[in-house]
Amino acid sequence: SPANVTVSILSTEGDGTATEALLNTVRAVLNAEHTRPVADRLTVQSARIVTWRLNAKLYFYPGPESEPILAAAESSFRKWLAEQGLIG
């Protein structure tokens, strides 16, 4: 039976959708004789991008301490978000 290999590409530009030019470049590299996967059929595709929205409501006690807490929460969220740009 034929062997199938699927390669999903996540771009580092825009929303992560791979352009046709990028997919063609990957196909050309993977189809080269010295790098070809051991398979009959090679499929190169863009990763499926999942869009989402976060709505959060933070509650603070009154006082001047709320601004640094909000800034820390936003910073933590941005750090977490940067780590999520992965396939899988």
N, C-alpha and C. Protein backbone atom coordinates (compact mmCIF):
# COMPACT_ATOMS: atom_id res chain seq x y z
N SER A 1 0.84 -1.18 0.00
CA SER A 1 0.00 0.00 0.00
C SER A 1 0.89 1.24 0.00
N PRO A 2 0.40 2.33 -0.58
CA PRO A 2 1.22 3.53 -0.68
C PRO A 2 1.44 4.19 0.69
N ALA A 3 2.61 4.75 0.85
CA ALA A 3 2.92 5.50 2.08
C ALA A 3 2.62 6.97 1.83
N ASN A 4 1.97 7.60 2.79
CA ASN A 4 1.61 9.01 2.68
C ASN A 4 2.30 9.80 3.78
N VAL A 5 2.84 10.95 3.41
CA VAL A 5 3.43 11.87 4.38
C VAL A 5 2.76 13.22 4.19
N THR A 6 2.27 13.80 5.27
CA THR A 6 1.69 15.14 5.23
C THR A 6 2.54 16.05 6.09
N VAL A 7 2.96 17.17 5.51
CA VAL A 7 3.76 18.16 6.21
C VAL A 7 2.93 19.43 6.31
N SER A 8 2.69 19.89 7.53
CA SER A 8 1.93 21.12 7.76
C SER A 8 2.89 22.24 8.10
N ILE A 9 2.73 23.38 7.44
CA ILE A 9 3.64 24.51 7.60
C ILE A 9 2.91 25.65 8.31
N LEU A 10 3.54 26.17 9.36
CA LEU A 10 3.04 27.34 10.08
C LEU A 10 3.99 28.49 9.80
N SER A 11 3.52 29.51 9.12
CA SER A 11 4.35 30.64 8.76
C SER A 11 4.64 31.51 9.98
N THR A 12 5.77 32.18 9.97
CA THR A 12 6.10 33.13 11.04
C THR A 12 5.58 34.52 10.72
N GLU A 13 4.91 34.67 9.59
CA GLU A 13 4.39 35.97 9.19
C GLU A 13 2.86 35.96 9.22
N GLY A 14 2.30 37.15 9.41
CA GLY A 14 0.85 37.30 9.40
C GLY A 14 0.19 36.45 10.47
N ASP A 15 -0.93 35.81 10.10
CA ASP A 15 -1.66 34.99 11.07
C ASP A 15 -1.13 33.56 11.13
N GLY A 16 -0.07 33.26 10.39
CA GLY A 16 0.51 31.92 10.41
C GLY A 16 0.18 31.09 9.18
N THR A 17 -0.73 31.57 8.34
CA THR A 17 -1.09 30.84 7.13
C THR A 17 0.09 30.87 6.16
N ALA A 18 0.50 29.72 5.69
CA ALA A 18 1.62 29.64 4.75
C ALA A 18 1.17 30.09 3.37
N THR A 19 1.98 30.92 2.74
CA THR A 19 1.68 31.36 1.37
C THR A 19 1.96 30.23 0.40
N GLU A 20 1.39 30.35 -0.79
CA GLU A 20 1.63 29.33 -1.82
C GLU A 20 3.11 29.29 -2.18
N ALA A 21 3.77 30.44 -2.17
CA ALA A 21 5.21 30.48 -2.47
C ALA A 21 6.00 29.69 -1.42
N LEU A 22 5.64 29.85 -0.15
CA LEU A 22 6.32 29.11 0.91
C LEU A 22 6.07 27.61 0.77
N LEU A 23 4.82 27.24 0.50
CA LEU A 23 4.50 25.82 0.32
C LEU A 23 5.28 25.23 -0.86
N ASN A 24 5.39 25.99 -1.95
CA ASN A 24 6.15 25.50 -3.11
C ASN A 24 7.63 25.34 -2.78
N THR A 25 8.17 26.25 -1.98
CA THR A 25 9.58 26.14 -1.57
C THR A 25 9.79 24.88 -0.75
N VAL A 26 8.89 24.62 0.20
CA VAL A 26 9.00 23.42 1.04
C VAL A 26 8.86 22.17 0.19
N ARG A 27 7.90 22.17 -0.73
CA ARG A 27 7.73 21.01 -1.63
C ARG A 27 9.01 20.74 -2.41
N ALA A 28 9.61 21.80 -2.94
CA ALA A 28 10.83 21.63 -3.74
C ALA A 28 11.96 21.05 -2.90
N VAL A 29 12.10 21.52 -1.68
CA VAL A 29 13.17 21.01 -0.81
C VAL A 29 12.90 19.55 -0.44
N LEU A 30 11.66 19.24 -0.07
CA LEU A 30 11.35 17.87 0.36
C LEU A 30 11.30 16.87 -0.79
N ASN A 31 11.08 17.35 -1.99
CA ASN A 31 11.07 16.45 -3.14
C ASN A 31 12.45 16.23 -3.72
N ALA A 32 13.44 16.96 -3.24
CA ALA A 32 14.81 16.75 -3.72
C ALA A 32 15.25 15.33 -3.36
N GLU A 33 16.04 14.75 -4.22
CA GLU A 33 16.45 13.35 -4.08
C GLU A 33 17.11 13.06 -2.73
N HIS A 34 17.90 13.98 -2.22
CA HIS A 34 18.64 13.73 -0.97
C HIS A 34 17.81 13.99 0.30
N THR A 35 16.62 14.59 0.16
CA THR A 35 15.79 14.85 1.35
C THR A 35 14.41 14.23 1.28
N ARG A 36 14.08 13.58 0.22
CA ARG A 36 12.73 13.04 0.04
C ARG A 36 12.38 12.06 1.15
N PRO A 37 11.22 12.27 1.80
CA PRO A 37 10.78 11.30 2.80
C PRO A 37 10.51 9.94 2.14
N VAL A 38 10.63 8.90 2.91
CA VAL A 38 10.37 7.56 2.39
C VAL A 38 8.85 7.40 2.31
N ALA A 39 8.30 7.86 1.19
CA ALA A 39 6.85 7.80 1.01
C ALA A 39 6.54 7.92 -0.48
N ASP A 40 5.39 7.38 -0.85
CA ASP A 40 4.95 7.47 -2.23
C ASP A 40 4.31 8.82 -2.51
N ARG A 41 3.62 9.34 -1.52
CA ARG A 41 2.87 10.58 -1.70
C ARG A 41 3.26 11.58 -0.62
N LEU A 42 3.64 12.77 -1.07
CA LEU A 42 3.99 13.86 -0.16
C LEU A 42 2.98 14.97 -0.32
N THR A 43 2.36 15.37 0.78
CA THR A 43 1.42 16.49 0.78
C THR A 43 2.00 17.58 1.66
N VAL A 44 2.13 18.78 1.11
CA VAL A 44 2.58 19.94 1.88
C VAL A 44 1.41 20.90 1.93
N GLN A 45 1.04 21.28 3.14
CA GLN A 45 -0.14 22.13 3.33
C GLN A 45 0.13 23.16 4.41
N SER A 46 -0.68 24.20 4.41
CA SER A 46 -0.59 25.19 5.48
C SER A 46 -1.27 24.63 6.72
N ALA A 47 -0.75 24.99 7.87
CA ALA A 47 -1.42 24.61 9.11
C ALA A 47 -2.78 25.30 9.16
N ARG A 48 -3.74 24.65 9.78
CA ARG A 48 -5.07 25.26 9.93
C ARG A 48 -4.99 26.27 11.07
N ILE A 49 -5.35 27.51 10.77
CA ILE A 49 -5.28 28.58 11.75
C ILE A 49 -6.61 28.66 12.48
N VAL A 50 -6.54 28.65 13.80
CA VAL A 50 -7.74 28.75 14.63
C VAL A 50 -7.79 30.15 15.22
N THR A 51 -8.82 30.89 14.87
CA THR A 51 -8.96 32.23 15.44
C THR A 51 -9.84 32.16 16.67
N TRP A 52 -9.55 32.99 17.63
CA TRP A 52 -10.30 32.98 18.87
C TRP A 52 -10.26 34.37 19.48
N ARG A 53 -11.07 34.58 20.47
CA ARG A 53 -11.14 35.88 21.15
C ARG A 53 -11.23 35.61 22.64
N LEU A 54 -10.54 36.42 23.41
CA LEU A 54 -10.58 36.30 24.87
C LEU A 54 -11.27 37.53 25.43
N ASN A 55 -12.26 37.29 26.24
CA ASN A 55 -12.91 38.35 27.00
C ASN A 55 -12.66 38.05 28.47
N ALA A 56 -12.00 38.97 29.14
CA ALA A 56 -11.68 38.76 30.55
C ALA A 56 -12.16 39.95 31.36
N LYS A 57 -12.58 39.66 32.55
CA LYS A 57 -12.98 40.72 33.46
C LYS A 57 -12.18 40.51 34.74
N LEU A 58 -11.38 41.50 35.09
CA LEU A 58 -10.58 41.43 36.30
C LEU A 58 -11.20 42.33 37.36
N TYR A 59 -11.24 41.84 38.57
CA TYR A 59 -11.80 42.61 39.68
C TYR A 59 -10.67 42.97 40.64
N PHE A 60 -10.62 44.24 41.03
CA PHE A 60 -9.58 44.73 41.94
C PHE A 60 -10.22 45.41 43.14
N TYR A 61 -9.52 45.34 44.25
CA TYR A 61 -9.91 46.15 45.39
C TYR A 61 -9.56 47.60 45.06
N PRO A 62 -10.31 48.55 45.59
CA PRO A 62 -9.99 49.96 45.31
C PRO A 62 -8.59 50.31 45.82
N GLY A 63 -7.92 51.20 45.10
CA GLY A 63 -6.61 51.65 45.54
C GLY A 63 -5.64 51.75 44.39
N PRO A 64 -4.48 52.34 44.65
CA PRO A 64 -3.50 52.58 43.59
C PRO A 64 -2.79 51.31 43.12
N GLU A 65 -2.94 50.21 43.84
CA GLU A 65 -2.24 48.98 43.48
C GLU A 65 -2.80 48.30 42.23
N SER A 66 -3.97 48.70 41.78
CA SER A 66 -4.60 48.00 40.66
C SER A 66 -3.84 48.17 39.35
N GLU A 67 -3.25 49.34 39.11
CA GLU A 67 -2.56 49.56 37.83
C GLU A 67 -1.37 48.62 37.62
N PRO A 68 -0.46 48.45 38.60
CA PRO A 68 0.63 47.50 38.38
C PRO A 68 0.15 46.05 38.27
N ILE A 69 -0.92 45.73 38.96
CA ILE A 69 -1.47 44.37 38.88
C ILE A 69 -2.04 44.13 37.48
N LEU A 70 -2.77 45.11 36.95
CA LEU A 70 -3.31 45.00 35.60
C LEU A 70 -2.17 44.89 34.58
N ALA A 71 -1.13 45.70 34.73
CA ALA A 71 0.01 45.65 33.82
C ALA A 71 0.68 44.28 33.87
N ALA A 72 0.82 43.71 35.07
CA ALA A 72 1.43 42.38 35.21
C ALA A 72 0.56 41.31 34.57
N ALA A 73 -0.76 41.42 34.73
CA ALA A 73 -1.68 40.46 34.12
C ALA A 73 -1.59 40.53 32.60
N GLU A 74 -1.56 41.74 32.05
CA GLU A 74 -1.45 41.90 30.59
C GLU A 74 -0.11 41.37 30.09
N SER A 75 0.95 41.63 30.82
CA SER A 75 2.28 41.13 30.44
C SER A 75 2.31 39.60 30.45
N SER A 76 1.75 39.01 31.48
CA SER A 76 1.71 37.54 31.57
C SER A 76 0.90 36.95 30.42
N PHE A 77 -0.22 37.60 30.10
CA PHE A 77 -1.04 37.11 28.99
C PHE A 77 -0.29 37.21 27.67
N ARG A 78 0.40 38.32 27.42
CA ARG A 78 1.17 38.47 26.17
C ARG A 78 2.26 37.42 26.07
N LYS A 79 2.92 37.13 27.19
CA LYS A 79 3.97 36.11 27.20
C LYS A 79 3.37 34.74 26.87
N TRP A 80 2.26 34.40 27.50
CA TRP A 80 1.59 33.13 27.23
C TRP A 80 1.17 33.06 25.77
N LEU A 81 0.61 34.15 25.25
CA LEU A 81 0.13 34.19 23.88
C LEU A 81 1.27 33.96 22.88
N ALA A 82 2.43 34.54 23.15
CA ALA A 82 3.58 34.37 22.26
C ALA A 82 4.02 32.92 22.20
N GLU A 83 3.82 32.18 23.27
CA GLU A 83 4.21 30.77 23.32
C GLU A 83 3.20 29.85 22.62
N GLN A 84 2.04 30.37 22.25
CA GLN A 84 0.99 29.54 21.67
C GLN A 84 1.09 29.38 20.16
N GLY A 85 1.99 30.12 19.50
CA GLY A 85 2.09 30.05 18.05
C GLY A 85 2.78 28.79 17.57
N LEU A 86 2.24 27.65 17.92
CA LEU A 86 2.84 26.36 17.58
C LEU A 86 1.81 25.47 16.90
N ILE A 87 2.30 24.50 16.19
CA ILE A 87 1.40 23.50 15.60
C ILE A 87 1.12 22.44 16.65
N GLY A 88 -0.13 22.03 16.73
CA GLY A 88 -0.46 20.94 17.64
C GLY A 88 -1.31 21.36 18.70
